[in-house]
Amino acid sequence: MKYPARLKPLAELVDRCIEPVLAAQGFAASDVIFAWPEIVGDRLARHTEPLQVLWPRRSKGKHAASEASRQPGTLVVRVTGAFALELQHMAPVVVERVNTHFGWRCIGQLALRQGPIRREAIQGRAGAPPEQPLDPAQETLVREAVANIADDPLRAALENFGKAVLAYNNRFGG
């Protein structure tokens, strides 16, 4: 008897697709890029984006592997010109937030690169149309659509997704 293939979360498939590109930039996972606003907060995320992680070179010798694995990397962050000085002062806080997110001291410092942020329209940054709130009828429609789902985290995720789809349609006329 053949069993059907196990369903995989979309995030698992996306990670596999972009893993080689991220690895070339020093990222072990896509999490730091996709979770950047949650890691540093919306205010910092509007003016910054992670570019790559520079890991220390391994020295040759007996204890080279264990030494290199203990040394934290440098997170290279692109920052808008006017915000660079503020980020420089907040660097220790950002490093701590990234390390807390991953649960280990993977980043030791930030390296700032001034320049334009490329993901502006995706995350509602400067230049994107303002967020359009949902009307009460749309919110009720989404809540009713997911009301029968027993799993609380799944229901909340689907409700957020439904609201995001309707907000996108409101904003761009979809």
Protein backbone atom coordinates (compact mmCIF):
# COMPACT_ATOMS: atom_id res chain seq x y z
CA MET A 1 0.00 0.00 0.00
CA LYS A 2 1.41 3.38 -1.00
CA TYR A 3 1.02 6.33 1.30
CA PRO A 4 0.58 9.82 -0.11
CA ALA A 5 3.55 12.14 0.15
CA ARG A 6 3.66 14.25 3.29
CA LEU A 7 2.41 17.79 2.74
CA LYS A 8 5.14 20.35 3.34
CA PRO A 9 4.76 23.91 4.53
CA LEU A 10 5.30 26.50 1.82
CA ALA A 11 8.05 28.13 3.89
CA GLU A 12 10.05 24.90 3.76
CA LEU A 13 9.87 24.83 -0.04
CA VAL A 14 10.73 28.52 -0.40
CA ASP A 15 13.73 28.10 1.90
CA ARG A 16 15.07 25.32 -0.32
CA CYS A 17 14.70 27.48 -3.44
CA ILE A 18 16.49 30.53 -2.08
CA GLU A 19 18.95 28.74 0.21
CA PRO A 20 21.86 28.79 -2.30
CA VAL A 21 21.50 32.53 -2.86
CA LEU A 22 21.34 33.24 0.87
CA ALA A 23 24.29 30.94 1.59
CA ALA A 24 26.38 32.90 -0.90
CA GLN A 25 25.61 36.01 1.16
CA GLY A 26 26.50 34.30 4.44
CA PHE A 27 22.95 33.75 5.68
CA ALA A 28 22.26 30.35 7.20
CA ALA A 29 18.51 30.86 6.82
CA SER A 30 16.06 33.25 5.23
CA ASP A 31 14.66 34.08 8.65
CA VAL A 32 16.77 37.19 9.24
CA ILE A 33 15.63 38.69 5.94
CA PHE A 34 11.94 37.83 6.17
CA ALA A 35 11.70 38.51 9.91
CA TRP A 36 13.71 41.74 9.79
CA PRO A 37 10.76 43.99 10.76
CA GLU A 38 9.92 41.71 13.69
CA ILE A 39 13.56 41.57 14.80
CA VAL A 40 14.37 45.28 14.69
CA GLY A 41 10.91 46.86 14.75
CA ASP A 42 8.95 48.67 12.07
CA ARG A 43 10.74 51.99 12.52
CA LEU A 44 14.22 50.56 11.92
CA ALA A 45 12.98 48.20 9.21
CA ARG A 46 11.66 51.15 7.17
CA HIS A 47 15.21 52.51 6.85
CA THR A 48 17.35 49.35 6.84
CA GLU A 49 17.74 45.95 5.24
CA PRO A 50 20.17 43.10 5.94
CA LEU A 51 22.54 42.43 3.04
CA GLN A 52 24.83 39.64 4.19
CA VAL A 53 26.66 38.04 7.08
CA LEU A 54 30.44 38.04 7.01
CA TRP A 55 31.81 35.11 9.00
CA PRO A 56 35.37 35.12 10.39
CA ARG A 57 37.92 33.14 8.45
CA ARG A 58 38.94 29.86 9.98
CA SER A 59 42.53 29.59 11.03
CA LYS A 60 44.44 26.41 10.33
CA GLY A 61 45.37 24.26 13.27
CA LYS A 62 44.07 21.82 15.85
CA HIS A 63 41.33 23.93 17.30
CA ALA A 64 40.43 25.87 14.17
CA ALA A 65 36.89 24.50 13.79
CA SER A 66 35.92 25.09 17.41
CA GLU A 67 37.46 28.60 17.43
CA ALA A 68 35.65 29.68 14.26
CA SER A 69 32.31 28.33 15.44
CA ARG A 70 32.55 30.45 18.60
CA GLN A 71 33.32 33.72 16.82
CA PRO A 72 30.28 35.77 15.86
CA GLY A 73 29.83 37.19 12.37
CA THR A 74 29.32 40.72 11.12
CA LEU A 75 25.88 41.59 9.80
CA VAL A 76 26.10 43.95 6.84
CA VAL A 77 23.09 46.26 6.79
CA ARG A 78 22.07 48.75 4.12
CA VAL A 79 20.73 51.94 5.66
CA THR A 80 19.20 55.06 4.16
CA GLY A 81 21.64 57.98 4.32
CA ALA A 82 19.84 60.13 6.87
CA PHE A 83 19.27 57.22 9.22
CA ALA A 84 22.86 55.89 9.30
CA LEU A 85 23.97 57.89 12.34
CA GLU A 86 20.99 56.77 14.38
CA LEU A 87 21.56 53.11 13.42
CA GLN A 88 25.22 53.43 14.36
CA HIS A 89 24.16 54.48 17.86
CA MET A 90 21.57 51.69 18.02
CA ALA A 91 23.94 48.98 16.71
CA PRO A 92 24.36 47.21 20.09
CA VAL A 93 20.57 46.98 20.45
CA VAL A 94 20.16 45.61 16.92
CA VAL A 95 22.92 43.03 17.47
CA GLU A 96 21.23 41.92 20.70
CA ARG A 97 17.83 41.64 19.00
CA VAL A 98 19.23 39.51 16.17
CA ASN A 99 21.05 37.23 18.63
CA THR A 100 17.93 36.93 20.79
CA HIS A 101 15.88 36.03 17.72
CA PHE A 102 18.25 33.18 16.83
CA GLY A 103 18.92 32.12 20.41
CA TRP A 104 22.72 32.29 20.22
CA ARG A 105 25.45 34.88 19.74
CA CYS A 106 25.74 34.62 15.97
CA ILE A 107 26.30 38.35 15.29
CA GLY A 108 29.00 40.41 17.01
CA GLN A 109 28.75 43.69 15.14
CA LEU A 110 27.08 45.59 12.33
CA ALA A 111 28.71 47.00 9.22
CA LEU A 112 26.66 49.80 7.69
CA ARG A 113 26.37 50.48 3.97
CA GLN A 114 24.54 53.63 2.99
CA GLY A 115 22.18 53.37 0.06
CA PRO A 116 18.57 53.10 -1.00
CA ILE A 117 16.40 50.36 0.45
CA ARG A 118 15.19 48.02 -2.30
CA ARG A 119 12.09 46.51 -0.66
CA GLU A 120 10.08 49.72 -0.19
CA ALA A 121 6.78 48.75 -1.82
CA ILE A 122 6.71 45.26 -0.29
CA GLN A 123 6.67 46.36 3.33
CA GLY A 124 4.75 49.63 3.08
CA ARG A 125 7.81 51.82 3.36
CA ALA A 126 8.27 55.36 2.10
CA GLY A 127 6.89 55.79 -1.40
CA ALA A 128 4.26 53.06 -1.08
CA PRO A 129 0.58 54.01 -0.86
CA PRO A 130 -0.67 54.31 2.71
CA GLU A 131 -2.26 51.24 4.28
CA GLN A 132 -6.03 51.06 3.70
CA PRO A 133 -7.93 49.80 6.75
CA LEU A 134 -10.59 47.18 6.22
CA ASP A 135 -14.19 48.18 6.69
CA PRO A 136 -16.13 46.34 9.42
CA ALA A 137 -18.02 44.21 6.88
CA GLN A 138 -14.74 42.87 5.45
CA GLU A 139 -13.37 42.12 8.93
CA THR A 140 -16.57 40.24 9.80
CA LEU A 141 -16.37 38.31 6.53
CA VAL A 142 -12.82 37.14 7.33
CA ARG A 143 -13.67 36.25 10.95
CA GLU A 144 -16.68 34.18 9.87
CA ALA A 145 -14.67 32.40 7.17
CA VAL A 146 -12.18 31.05 9.73
CA ALA A 147 -14.51 30.69 12.73
CA ASN A 148 -14.81 26.87 12.41
CA ILE A 149 -11.06 26.25 12.59
CA ALA A 150 -10.28 24.70 15.98
CA ASP A 151 -6.51 25.28 16.01
CA ASP A 152 -6.01 28.79 17.46
CA PRO A 153 -2.64 29.61 15.83
CA LEU A 154 -3.84 28.37 12.45
CA ARG A 155 -7.09 30.32 12.73
CA ALA A 156 -5.18 33.51 13.66
CA ALA A 157 -2.72 33.03 10.79
CA LEU A 158 -5.51 32.48 8.27
CA GLU A 159 -7.42 35.48 9.61
CA ASN A 160 -4.32 37.67 9.20
CA PHE A 161 -3.80 36.28 5.72
CA GLY A 162 -7.40 36.97 4.73
CA LYS A 163 -7.18 40.53 6.04
CA ALA A 164 -3.92 41.07 4.15
CA VAL A 165 -5.48 39.83 0.90
CA LEU A 166 -8.49 42.13 1.29
CA ALA A 167 -6.25 45.07 2.25
CA TYR A 168 -4.14 44.43 -0.84
CA ASN A 169 -7.27 44.33 -3.01
CA ASN A 170 -8.48 47.58 -1.40
CA ARG A 171 -5.14 49.25 -2.00
CA PHE A 172 -4.48 48.10 -5.57
CA GLY A 173 -8.01 47.43 -6.81
CA GLY A 174 -7.66 43.64 -7.16
